[in-house]
């Protein structure tokens, strides 16, 4: 009903028992041009034709075999579904695909809805422990670097002053905390997480944004340097003067 030019023949369900069930790939295949072929192998696994995370995309004879039709494959990128359809079958077929995709997706959203909330950014307790451990570890590293600087024991790196060396080492340590916490967060998020689905489809946001919302934003840099003292001898009024430790 919602597929343009549908011939009335319902495809064989992918799941027969206990009840017939059709997959999303079967739904999408009904709006693809019948003779469309596209191959995008992106998985680094040993068996790239059976990707565990459904990476890449394979369309054979208008049937989506594996992969997700994300923005990377349906957007304006060269070699995508729209590009191939327009070149191989003409603008009318491409227009039919656009109409079909819009109507099917709208109908799916009407029945299933889609939204993200604070629950999509709340990690489990194990991940919280890993995040806190990563932050505490790098805070200790920054404390050691700061102590060396205060005691005049910090050796300047080649071509850099002591202050530049200090900033470089501190930023490297805090960036490592952000990256480690972000990786732990990404590994813990489930595929059914709405924020993850939105990032993977390419509609909005990235996995880095999700990690920042879930774990920590991390060290902020201005022109590649630590935040300068905008107030008198400090970055913000609630810090002590000449405070170079991790929180400031």
Protein backbone atom coordinates (compact mmCIF):
# COMPACT_ATOMS: atom_id res chain seq x y z
CA UNK A 1 0.00 0.00 0.00
CA UNK A 2 2.80 2.44 0.87
CA UNK A 3 5.20 1.15 -1.80
CA UNK A 4 4.81 2.86 -5.20
CA UNK A 5 4.03 0.48 -8.09
CA UNK A 6 3.58 -2.46 -5.70
CA UNK A 7 2.30 -5.49 -7.62
CA UNK A 8 0.36 -6.86 -4.63
CA UNK A 9 2.68 -9.84 -4.10
CA UNK A 10 3.88 -10.11 -0.50
CA UNK A 11 7.44 -11.46 -0.26
CA UNK A 12 8.12 -14.68 1.61
CA UNK A 13 8.69 -13.86 5.30
CA UNK A 14 12.23 -14.28 6.58
CA UNK A 15 10.86 -15.90 9.76
CA UNK A 16 8.12 -18.52 9.41
CA UNK A 17 7.62 -19.79 12.98
CA UNK A 18 6.15 -19.17 15.47
CA UNK A 19 4.64 -16.33 13.42
CA UNK A 20 5.52 -14.90 10.00
CA UNK A 21 7.89 -11.98 10.33
CA UNK A 22 9.46 -9.76 7.69
CA UNK A 23 12.78 -7.98 8.18
CA UNK A 24 13.52 -4.32 7.61
CA UNK A 25 15.79 -5.30 4.73
CA UNK A 26 12.84 -6.94 2.99
CA UNK A 27 10.81 -3.75 3.41
CA UNK A 28 13.61 -1.61 1.98
CA UNK A 29 14.14 -4.05 -0.89
CA UNK A 30 10.55 -3.46 -2.04
CA UNK A 31 11.34 0.16 -2.90
CA UNK A 32 14.71 -0.52 -4.55
CA UNK A 33 14.90 -0.77 -8.37
CA UNK A 34 14.59 -4.48 -9.31
CA UNK A 35 17.94 -4.71 -11.13
CA UNK A 36 20.02 -2.54 -8.83
CA UNK A 37 23.42 -3.91 -7.77
CA UNK A 38 25.81 -2.28 -5.31
CA UNK A 39 28.73 -3.59 -3.27
CA UNK A 40 30.39 -1.76 -0.38
CA UNK A 41 32.63 -3.92 1.80
CA UNK A 42 33.87 -2.08 4.89
CA UNK A 43 34.21 -4.77 7.54
CA UNK A 44 37.75 -5.56 8.72
CA UNK A 45 36.70 -9.00 9.91
CA UNK A 46 38.00 -12.22 8.43
CA UNK A 47 34.64 -12.94 6.80
CA UNK A 48 33.82 -9.52 5.32
CA UNK A 49 30.72 -10.96 3.62
CA UNK A 50 29.15 -11.73 6.98
CA UNK A 51 29.90 -8.62 9.07
CA UNK A 52 29.01 -8.94 12.73
CA UNK A 53 28.08 -5.25 13.00
CA UNK A 54 26.32 -5.16 9.62
CA UNK A 55 28.99 -2.87 8.18
CA UNK A 56 28.99 -1.95 4.51
CA UNK A 57 26.16 -2.78 2.14
CA UNK A 58 25.41 -5.36 -0.53
CA UNK A 59 22.48 -5.08 -2.95
CA UNK A 60 21.94 -7.86 -5.48
CA UNK A 61 19.13 -7.62 -8.01
CA UNK A 62 17.31 -5.03 -5.94
CA UNK A 63 17.57 -7.09 -2.72
CA UNK A 64 19.42 -5.66 0.27
CA UNK A 65 21.49 -8.63 1.45
CA UNK A 66 23.36 -7.00 4.34
CA UNK A 67 24.24 -3.55 5.61
CA UNK A 68 22.36 -0.42 6.55
CA UNK A 69 21.20 2.16 4.03
CA UNK A 70 22.75 5.04 5.95
CA UNK A 71 23.46 8.55 4.72
CA UNK A 72 26.76 7.29 3.37
CA UNK A 73 24.97 5.11 0.80
CA UNK A 74 21.73 7.01 0.19
CA UNK A 75 23.04 10.57 0.47
CA UNK A 76 24.69 12.68 -2.19
CA UNK A 77 27.90 10.65 -2.15
CA UNK A 78 29.24 9.33 -5.43
CA UNK A 79 28.57 5.64 -5.99
CA UNK A 80 25.59 5.57 -3.64
CA UNK A 81 22.14 4.14 -4.28
CA UNK A 82 20.75 7.40 -5.68
CA UNK A 83 23.79 8.00 -7.88
CA UNK A 84 23.75 4.48 -9.34
CA UNK A 85 19.97 4.48 -9.80
CA UNK A 86 19.99 7.78 -11.67
CA UNK A 87 22.90 6.77 -13.90
CA UNK A 88 21.72 3.24 -14.65
CA UNK A 89 17.92 3.59 -14.74
CA UNK A 90 17.25 7.28 -15.30
CA UNK A 91 15.75 10.13 -13.27
CA UNK A 92 12.20 8.74 -13.28
CA UNK A 93 13.28 5.56 -11.47
CA UNK A 94 15.35 7.64 -9.04
CA UNK A 95 12.28 9.79 -8.34
CA UNK A 96 10.20 6.65 -7.71
CA UNK A 97 12.83 5.46 -5.23
CA UNK A 98 12.76 8.83 -3.44
CA UNK A 99 8.98 8.74 -3.16
CA UNK A 100 8.93 5.14 -1.99
CA UNK A 101 11.65 5.70 0.61
CA UNK A 102 9.89 8.76 1.99
CA UNK A 103 6.50 7.09 2.23
CA UNK A 104 7.78 3.86 3.80
CA UNK A 105 9.95 5.67 6.35
CA UNK A 106 7.13 8.07 7.25
CA UNK A 107 4.75 5.17 7.76
CA UNK A 108 7.30 3.34 9.92
CA UNK A 109 7.84 6.45 12.06
CA UNK A 110 4.06 6.89 12.37
CA UNK A 111 3.73 3.41 13.91
CA UNK A 112 7.01 3.11 15.82
CA UNK A 113 8.09 6.69 16.56
CA UNK A 114 11.67 7.69 17.27
CA UNK A 115 13.16 9.96 19.89
CA UNK A 116 16.15 10.13 22.19
CA UNK A 117 16.16 10.98 25.86
CA UNK A 118 18.42 11.10 28.87
CA UNK A 119 18.07 7.33 29.22
CA UNK A 120 20.09 6.85 26.01
CA UNK A 121 23.09 8.54 27.64
CA UNK A 122 23.07 6.74 31.01
CA UNK A 123 25.85 4.11 31.13
CA UNK A 124 25.76 0.94 33.19
CA UNK A 125 27.63 0.77 36.49
CA UNK A 126 30.54 -1.19 35.06
CA UNK A 127 31.11 1.50 32.43
CA UNK A 128 30.81 4.23 35.07
CA UNK A 129 33.60 2.52 37.00
CA UNK A 130 35.82 2.35 33.90
CA UNK A 131 35.19 6.02 33.11
CA UNK A 132 36.03 7.09 36.65
CA UNK A 133 39.16 4.94 36.67
CA UNK A 134 40.36 6.48 33.39
CA UNK A 135 39.78 10.01 34.69
CA UNK A 136 41.43 9.33 38.06
CA UNK A 137 44.47 7.76 36.41
CA UNK A 138 45.11 10.74 34.16
CA UNK A 139 44.42 13.20 36.98
CA UNK A 140 47.24 11.52 38.89
CA UNK A 141 49.47 11.90 35.82
CA UNK A 142 48.64 15.62 35.61
CA UNK A 143 49.36 15.97 39.33
CA UNK A 144 52.81 14.44 38.82
CA UNK A 145 53.51 16.74 35.87
CA UNK A 146 52.37 19.77 37.87
CA UNK A 147 54.56 18.80 40.83
CA UNK A 148 57.59 18.52 38.55
CA UNK A 149 56.83 21.95 37.10
CA UNK A 150 56.44 23.54 40.55
CA UNK A 151 59.70 21.90 41.71
CA UNK A 152 61.57 23.07 38.57
CA UNK A 153 62.22 19.44 37.62
CA UNK A 154 60.31 19.45 34.31
CA UNK A 155 62.67 19.17 31.36
CA UNK A 156 61.62 21.25 28.32
CA UNK A 157 60.96 19.31 25.14
CA UNK A 158 63.11 20.13 22.08
CA UNK A 159 62.08 23.48 20.61
CA UNK A 160 59.66 24.22 23.45
CA UNK A 161 59.77 26.24 26.65
CA UNK A 162 59.00 24.71 30.03
CA UNK A 163 55.49 26.23 29.98
CA UNK A 164 54.82 24.87 26.47
CA UNK A 165 56.11 21.46 27.52
CA UNK A 166 53.88 21.52 30.59
CA UNK A 167 50.78 22.39 28.55
CA UNK A 168 51.60 19.75 25.95
CA UNK A 169 51.98 16.99 28.53
CA UNK A 170 48.85 18.03 30.44
CA UNK A 171 46.74 18.16 27.28
CA UNK A 172 48.04 14.77 26.17
CA UNK A 173 47.13 13.22 29.53
CA UNK A 174 43.64 14.75 29.65
CA UNK A 175 42.96 13.87 26.02
CA UNK A 176 43.90 10.28 26.81
CA UNK A 177 41.33 10.28 29.63
CA UNK A 178 38.67 11.52 27.21
CA UNK A 179 39.57 8.98 24.53
CA UNK A 180 39.72 6.04 26.95
CA UNK A 181 36.40 6.95 28.56
CA UNK A 182 34.85 7.50 25.15
CA UNK A 183 35.98 4.11 23.87
CA UNK A 184 34.64 2.36 26.97
CA UNK A 185 31.33 4.15 26.52
CA UNK A 186 31.02 3.24 22.84
CA UNK A 187 31.73 -0.41 23.59
CA UNK A 188 28.99 -0.48 26.24
CA UNK A 189 26.19 1.09 24.17
CA UNK A 190 23.73 -1.34 22.61
CA UNK A 191 22.67 -1.29 18.96
CA UNK A 192 19.08 -0.59 20.05
CA UNK A 193 20.17 2.67 21.66
CA UNK A 194 18.31 5.43 19.79
CA UNK A 195 21.26 7.84 19.90
CA UNK A 196 23.53 5.15 18.44
CA UNK A 197 21.03 4.43 15.67
CA UNK A 198 20.84 8.11 14.82
CA UNK A 199 24.63 8.41 14.66
CA UNK A 200 25.09 5.23 12.61
CA UNK A 201 22.45 6.26 10.10
CA UNK A 202 24.18 9.59 9.59
CA UNK A 203 21.09 11.67 10.35
CA UNK A 204 22.57 13.59 13.29
CA UNK A 205 25.49 13.38 15.66
CA UNK A 206 28.43 11.01 15.93
CA UNK A 207 29.57 8.34 18.34
CA UNK A 208 32.00 10.93 19.74
CA UNK A 209 29.06 13.19 20.65
CA UNK A 210 27.37 10.27 22.40
CA UNK A 211 30.55 9.46 24.31
CA UNK A 212 30.82 13.09 25.42
CA UNK A 213 27.20 13.11 26.62
CA UNK A 214 27.61 9.79 28.41
CA UNK A 215 31.13 9.98 29.82
CA UNK A 216 32.83 13.37 29.82
CA UNK A 217 33.45 16.28 27.46
CA UNK A 218 37.13 16.28 28.32
CA UNK A 219 39.89 18.84 27.95
CA UNK A 220 38.85 21.97 26.06
CA UNK A 221 41.39 23.58 23.77
CA UNK A 222 41.48 27.11 22.37
CA UNK A 223 43.65 27.40 19.26
CA UNK A 224 45.31 24.13 20.23
CA UNK A 225 46.26 25.33 23.69
CA UNK A 226 44.83 25.07 27.19
CA UNK A 227 42.19 27.64 28.09
CA UNK A 228 44.06 30.87 28.93
CA UNK A 229 43.56 32.91 32.07
CA UNK A 230 40.59 35.05 31.06
CA UNK A 231 40.21 36.33 34.61
CA UNK A 232 43.07 37.56 36.76
CA UNK A 233 45.54 34.65 37.05
CA UNK A 234 42.84 31.98 36.62
CA UNK A 235 40.51 30.50 34.03
CA UNK A 236 37.29 30.97 36.05
CA UNK A 237 36.48 32.91 39.24
CA UNK A 238 35.92 29.83 41.39
CA UNK A 239 39.48 28.52 40.86
CA UNK A 240 42.42 29.64 42.98
CA UNK A 241 44.90 32.01 41.40
CA UNK A 242 47.73 30.36 39.47
CA UNK A 243 45.88 27.02 39.51
CA UNK A 244 47.31 24.79 36.75
CA UNK A 245 45.85 21.49 37.96
CA UNK A 246 43.52 19.27 35.92
CA UNK A 247 40.12 20.74 36.92
CA UNK A 248 41.15 24.28 35.94
